[in-house]
Amino acid sequence: MIDTDTTITVDTGNCADLVAAIRGLDATAIAGEATVTIEVSGGPYACAEPLVFVHRDGPRIALIGNPGGGPSTAISFDNVGGVVVGQHRALGRLDGFVLNGIGAGSQGVHVQPGASATVGPDVTVVGFSGSCYVTDRGAVLIATGTVATQCGGHGYQAKGGLISADDAQAVDNAFDGFAAALGGRIEAARAAAADNGSNGFRATQGAVIIAQSSSASNNGIGYNAQNHSYIDARDGSATNNASVQLRAGVLSYIQASNLTGVPAGDYNIPAHELSDGGGYIAD
């Protein structure tokens, strides 16, 4: 049992040592208010398996690289996912890393059903074949100020879960910058979605995205609400998106008051009221 604050140092540059440090905690309880911090330096680390967190006391575990003090610690994942938080488990904090997917590397940070995780602002996820950050049903991910770039899926994807990603950046991902579906919710105030292949912000299948004071530029569509969904894009901007700046359909709604950069009529259908199944955009 661990009953005092404990720090485990990994500085070898060997992913096997990092995996061993994480797995070595699984059979040990962390009592009371004690915390365990795994500090990772050196590297870069090349991993052939994901870093999986399933500890029952996961909220008191932190994986820390080099936050706020120079180059972040680099970990590459070869044809596997990056950081996985198992069902109904938790990770207290992840910060100070660049997580780089190589090949068919699945998701960068995957919070499975009912799980939770906090990712600090000095984390960049890049290059995974799936989405950079993903939550499943009932999962919660706090990812304020993080970066998602060059992933083969979405930057941030809430599949029924919650992602809180204020001040985050989703850049140059193959599909959407921020994508919520299946009743999922993304909170992304002051966020930026740029150069993504499909949408900057997309909510569908009963999802909600709160993107006040955010920007969508050079995507396929800036803000896109479909199938009983809602996007709050107040006080933000939509510029140079290739197809249309705003689109709403099938009983969906976009609140776009004080949204700048949108030419008159660049709302997919004239008069702002969309006949595509009863969607509506209010400015």
Protein backbone atom coordinates (compact mmCIF):
# COMPACT_ATOMS: atom_id res chain seq x y z
CA MET A 1 0.00 0.00 0.00
CA ILE A 2 1.17 3.51 -0.82
CA ASP A 3 0.14 5.96 1.91
CA THR A 4 2.44 8.94 1.25
CA ASP A 5 3.02 11.04 -1.87
CA THR A 6 5.37 9.05 -4.09
CA THR A 7 7.39 9.91 -7.20
CA ILE A 8 8.60 7.25 -9.64
CA THR A 9 11.29 8.39 -12.07
CA VAL A 10 11.65 6.96 -15.57
CA ASP A 11 14.60 8.45 -17.46
CA THR A 12 15.99 5.61 -19.55
CA GLY A 13 14.32 6.36 -22.89
CA ASN A 14 13.10 2.75 -22.90
CA CYS A 15 9.35 2.29 -23.29
CA ALA A 16 9.46 -1.06 -21.48
CA ASP A 17 10.56 0.77 -18.34
CA LEU A 18 7.69 3.23 -18.69
CA VAL A 19 5.15 0.42 -19.15
CA ALA A 20 6.62 -1.41 -16.15
CA ALA A 21 6.26 1.68 -13.97
CA ILE A 22 2.57 1.97 -14.87
CA ARG A 23 1.77 -1.72 -14.54
CA GLY A 24 3.76 -2.03 -11.34
CA LEU A 25 1.19 0.09 -9.55
CA ASP A 26 -1.79 -2.06 -10.49
CA ALA A 27 -1.46 -4.50 -7.58
CA THR A 28 -0.90 -1.74 -5.01
CA ALA A 29 -3.58 0.39 -3.37
CA ILE A 30 -3.02 4.13 -3.01
CA ALA A 31 -4.43 5.06 0.37
CA GLY A 32 -6.17 8.19 1.58
CA GLU A 33 -4.98 11.41 -0.04
CA ALA A 34 -1.65 10.00 -1.21
CA THR A 35 -0.63 10.56 -4.83
CA VAL A 36 1.72 8.82 -7.22
CA THR A 37 3.56 10.80 -9.89
CA ILE A 38 5.43 9.02 -12.66
CA GLU A 39 7.99 11.53 -13.94
CA VAL A 40 9.27 10.77 -17.42
CA SER A 41 12.38 12.38 -18.89
CA GLY A 42 15.00 11.50 -21.47
CA GLY A 43 13.84 9.81 -24.59
CA PRO A 44 12.34 10.00 -27.11
CA TYR A 45 10.46 6.84 -26.17
CA ALA A 46 9.36 4.40 -28.87
CA CYS A 47 6.44 2.22 -27.78
CA ALA A 48 5.06 -0.89 -29.46
CA GLU A 49 2.10 -1.03 -27.07
CA PRO A 50 -0.24 1.60 -25.62
CA LEU A 51 0.07 3.03 -22.14
CA VAL A 52 -2.98 1.60 -20.36
CA PHE A 53 -4.33 2.95 -17.07
CA VAL A 54 -6.69 0.62 -15.17
CA HIS A 55 -5.71 1.30 -11.54
CA ARG A 56 -8.66 1.51 -9.14
CA ASP A 57 -7.09 4.61 -7.57
CA GLY A 58 -6.35 6.22 -10.94
CA PRO A 59 -7.53 9.73 -9.95
CA ARG A 60 -4.44 9.96 -7.73
CA ILE A 61 -1.98 8.93 -10.47
CA ALA A 62 -0.19 11.46 -12.69
CA LEU A 63 2.04 10.83 -15.71
CA ILE A 64 4.22 13.88 -16.15
CA GLY A 65 6.80 14.63 -18.83
CA ASN A 66 8.22 18.12 -19.21
CA PRO A 67 5.37 20.63 -18.82
CA GLY A 68 6.07 24.31 -19.22
CA GLY A 69 9.83 24.06 -19.11
CA GLY A 70 11.19 23.47 -22.58
CA PRO A 71 10.54 20.71 -25.12
CA SER A 72 7.89 18.21 -24.05
CA THR A 73 8.87 14.57 -23.60
CA ALA A 74 8.27 12.70 -26.87
CA ILE A 75 6.63 9.27 -27.04
CA SER A 76 5.94 7.54 -30.36
CA PHE A 77 3.49 4.66 -30.76
CA ASP A 78 4.12 2.27 -33.64
CA ASN A 79 0.85 0.86 -35.06
CA VAL A 80 -0.90 0.99 -31.67
CA GLY A 81 -2.97 3.47 -29.69
CA GLY A 82 -1.36 5.99 -27.37
CA VAL A 83 -2.76 6.51 -23.87
CA VAL A 84 -5.81 4.42 -22.92
CA VAL A 85 -7.89 4.88 -19.77
CA GLY A 86 -9.85 1.67 -19.22
CA GLN A 87 -13.58 1.39 -18.64
CA HIS A 88 -14.77 3.02 -15.41
CA ARG A 89 -11.19 3.89 -14.45
CA ALA A 90 -9.38 7.23 -14.29
CA LEU A 91 -6.10 9.04 -14.85
CA GLY A 92 -5.50 12.00 -12.56
CA ARG A 93 -3.25 13.96 -14.92
CA LEU A 94 -1.26 13.63 -18.12
CA ASP A 95 0.98 16.57 -19.01
CA GLY A 96 4.22 17.54 -20.70
CA PHE A 97 4.20 15.16 -23.69
CA VAL A 98 4.11 14.99 -27.45
CA LEU A 99 2.30 11.76 -28.36
CA ASN A 100 3.13 10.75 -31.92
CA GLY A 101 1.23 8.03 -33.79
CA ILE A 102 3.10 6.06 -36.42
CA GLY A 103 1.30 3.83 -38.90
CA ALA A 104 -2.14 2.46 -38.04
CA GLY A 105 -1.93 3.88 -34.55
CA SER A 106 -5.63 4.11 -33.59
CA GLN A 107 -6.47 6.90 -31.12
CA GLY A 108 -3.99 9.15 -29.36
CA VAL A 109 -5.79 9.53 -26.02
CA HIS A 110 -8.78 7.20 -25.59
CA VAL A 111 -11.03 7.48 -22.55
CA GLN A 112 -13.23 4.41 -22.57
CA PRO A 113 -16.87 4.12 -21.36
CA GLY A 114 -17.43 5.53 -17.89
CA ALA A 115 -13.79 6.55 -17.45
CA SER A 116 -12.23 9.98 -16.82
CA ALA A 117 -8.94 11.74 -17.42
CA THR A 118 -7.36 15.17 -17.17
CA VAL A 119 -4.82 16.19 -19.81
CA GLY A 120 -2.74 19.30 -19.18
CA PRO A 121 -2.13 22.12 -21.65
CA ASP A 122 1.37 20.97 -22.54
CA VAL A 123 0.18 17.91 -24.46
CA THR A 124 0.18 17.63 -28.24
CA VAL A 125 -1.27 14.59 -29.99
CA VAL A 126 -0.13 14.16 -33.59
CA GLY A 127 -0.33 11.69 -36.43
CA PHE A 128 -2.54 8.86 -35.18
CA SER A 129 -4.57 7.05 -37.85
CA GLY A 130 -7.77 7.48 -35.83
CA SER A 131 -8.77 10.50 -33.79
CA CYS A 132 -6.37 12.40 -31.57
CA TYR A 133 -8.62 12.54 -28.46
CA VAL A 134 -11.70 10.30 -27.97
CA THR A 135 -14.32 9.79 -25.27
CA ASP A 136 -16.84 6.96 -25.32
CA ARG A 137 -20.28 6.95 -23.67
CA GLY A 138 -20.25 8.22 -20.10
CA ALA A 139 -16.57 9.19 -20.27
CA VAL A 140 -15.14 12.58 -19.29
CA LEU A 141 -11.96 14.15 -20.65
CA ILE A 142 -10.62 17.50 -19.47
CA ALA A 143 -8.20 18.69 -22.16
CA THR A 144 -7.94 22.46 -21.73
CA GLY A 145 -5.35 24.14 -23.95
CA THR A 146 -4.24 20.94 -25.68
CA VAL A 147 -3.36 20.45 -29.36
CA ALA A 148 -4.66 17.86 -31.83
CA THR A 149 -3.02 17.78 -35.24
CA GLN A 150 -2.52 15.63 -38.34
CA CYS A 151 -4.66 12.73 -37.10
CA GLY A 152 -6.42 10.52 -39.62
CA GLY A 153 -9.79 10.89 -37.90
CA HIS A 154 -10.98 13.85 -35.86
CA GLY A 155 -9.04 16.13 -33.58
CA TYR A 156 -11.44 15.83 -30.62
CA GLN A 157 -14.23 13.22 -30.78
CA ALA A 158 -16.95 12.82 -28.14
CA LYS A 159 -18.86 9.60 -28.91
CA GLY A 160 -21.48 9.98 -26.20
CA GLY A 161 -19.02 11.29 -23.63
CA LEU A 162 -17.87 14.77 -22.61
CA ILE A 163 -14.75 16.60 -23.72
CA SER A 164 -13.89 19.92 -22.08
CA ALA A 165 -11.37 21.53 -24.41
CA ASP A 166 -11.47 25.28 -23.88
CA ASP A 167 -8.54 27.04 -25.59
CA ALA A 168 -7.69 23.89 -27.54
CA GLN A 169 -6.41 23.75 -31.12
CA ALA A 170 -7.45 21.22 -33.76
CA VAL A 171 -5.35 21.68 -36.88
CA ASP A 172 -4.91 19.72 -40.12
CA ASN A 173 -6.86 16.60 -39.16
CA ALA A 174 -8.35 14.45 -41.92
CA PHE A 175 -11.99 14.86 -40.83
CA ASP A 176 -13.40 17.23 -38.17
CA GLY A 177 -11.56 19.44 -35.76
CA PHE A 178 -14.17 18.96 -33.01
CA ALA A 179 -16.79 16.22 -33.49
CA ALA A 180 -19.58 15.29 -31.07
CA ALA A 181 -22.09 12.49 -31.76
CA LEU A 182 -24.45 10.05 -30.06
CA GLY A 183 -25.49 12.55 -27.42
CA GLY A 184 -21.91 13.60 -26.73
CA ARG A 185 -20.89 17.08 -25.64
CA ILE A 186 -17.83 19.20 -26.35
CA GLU A 187 -17.09 22.41 -24.48
CA ALA A 188 -14.55 24.34 -26.53
CA ALA A 189 -14.67 28.05 -25.77
CA ARG A 190 -11.90 30.12 -27.38
CA ALA A 191 -10.84 27.06 -29.36
CA ALA A 192 -9.46 27.05 -32.89
CA ALA A 193 -10.29 24.62 -35.70
CA ALA A 194 -8.21 25.19 -38.82
CA ASP A 195 -7.30 23.32 -42.00
CA ASN A 196 -9.34 20.21 -41.13
CA GLY A 197 -10.59 18.13 -44.05
CA SER A 198 -14.31 18.14 -43.22
CA ASN A 199 -15.75 20.41 -40.51
CA GLY A 200 -14.25 22.75 -37.99
CA PHE A 201 -17.02 21.94 -35.48
CA ARG A 202 -19.64 19.23 -36.11
CA ALA A 203 -22.44 18.05 -33.84
CA THR A 204 -24.72 15.19 -34.91
CA GLN A 205 -27.09 12.56 -33.46
CA GLY A 206 -28.29 14.59 -30.51
CA ALA A 207 -24.93 16.13 -29.64
CA VAL A 208 -23.99 19.56 -28.27
CA ILE A 209 -20.93 21.73 -28.91
CA ILE A 210 -20.35 24.92 -26.92
CA ALA A 211 -17.83 26.90 -28.96
CA GLN A 212 -18.27 30.49 -27.83
CA SER A 213 -15.52 32.88 -28.97
CA SER A 214 -13.96 30.14 -31.08
CA SER A 215 -12.71 30.22 -34.67
CA ALA A 216 -13.22 27.95 -37.68
CA SER A 217 -11.03 28.66 -40.68
CA ASN A 218 -9.97 26.86 -43.85
CA ASN A 219 -12.01 23.74 -43.11
CA GLY A 220 -14.58 22.15 -45.40
CA ILE A 221 -17.47 23.60 -43.37
CA GLY A 222 -17.01 25.90 -40.41
CA TYR A 223 -19.85 24.92 -38.03
CA ASN A 224 -22.17 22.02 -38.90
CA ALA A 225 -25.11 20.86 -36.74
CA GLN A 226 -27.07 17.82 -37.94
CA ASN A 227 -29.68 15.34 -36.67
CA HIS A 228 -31.19 16.96 -33.56
CA SER A 229 -28.00 18.71 -32.46
CA TYR A 230 -26.93 22.15 -31.23
CA ILE A 231 -23.86 24.35 -31.64
CA ASP A 232 -23.29 27.59 -29.74
CA ALA A 233 -20.92 29.64 -31.91
CA ARG A 234 -21.62 33.05 -30.40
CA ASP A 235 -18.88 35.69 -30.51
CA GLY A 236 -16.65 33.53 -32.68
CA SER A 237 -15.55 33.60 -36.31
CA ALA A 238 -15.90 31.51 -39.47
CA THR A 239 -13.59 32.36 -42.35
CA ASN A 240 -12.46 30.82 -45.63
CA ASN A 241 -14.18 27.46 -45.10
CA ALA A 242 -14.38 25.82 -48.52
CA SER A 243 -17.99 24.69 -48.77
CA VAL A 244 -20.00 26.93 -46.45
CA GLN A 245 -19.38 28.74 -43.18
CA LEU A 246 -22.46 27.45 -41.30
CA ARG A 247 -24.81 24.53 -41.92
CA ALA A 248 -27.73 23.21 -39.89
CA GLY A 249 -30.20 20.46 -40.73
CA VAL A 250 -32.68 17.89 -39.40
CA LEU A 251 -34.07 19.72 -36.37
CA SER A 252 -30.70 21.21 -35.48
CA TYR A 253 -29.81 24.71 -34.33
CA ILE A 254 -26.76 26.98 -34.45
CA GLN A 255 -26.62 30.06 -32.23
CA ALA A 256 -24.37 32.39 -34.21
CA SER A 257 -24.95 35.86 -32.78
CA ASN A 258 -21.91 38.13 -33.12
CA LEU A 259 -20.19 35.56 -35.29
CA THR A 260 -17.76 37.38 -37.58
CA GLY A 261 -16.30 36.65 -40.98
CA VAL A 262 -19.42 35.15 -42.54
CA PRO A 263 -20.49 36.75 -45.86
CA ALA A 264 -24.20 37.43 -46.28
CA GLY A 265 -26.01 34.27 -47.35
CA ASP A 266 -23.11 31.94 -46.57
CA TYR A 267 -25.41 29.81 -44.42
CA ASN A 268 -26.07 26.92 -46.81
CA ILE A 269 -29.69 28.04 -47.47
CA PRO A 270 -30.98 31.64 -47.90
CA ALA A 271 -32.76 33.61 -45.19
CA HIS A 272 -30.98 31.70 -42.42
CA GLU A 273 -33.92 29.34 -41.99
CA LEU A 274 -32.81 26.01 -43.35
CA SER A 275 -35.29 23.78 -45.14
CA ASP A 276 -33.00 20.80 -44.69
CA GLY A 277 -35.29 18.99 -42.24
CA GLY A 278 -36.11 22.04 -40.16
CA GLY A 279 -32.68 23.26 -39.07
CA TYR A 280 -32.23 26.85 -37.96
CA ILE A 281 -29.40 29.35 -37.63
CA ALA A 282 -29.87 32.45 -35.48
CA ASP A 283 -27.63 35.46 -35.85
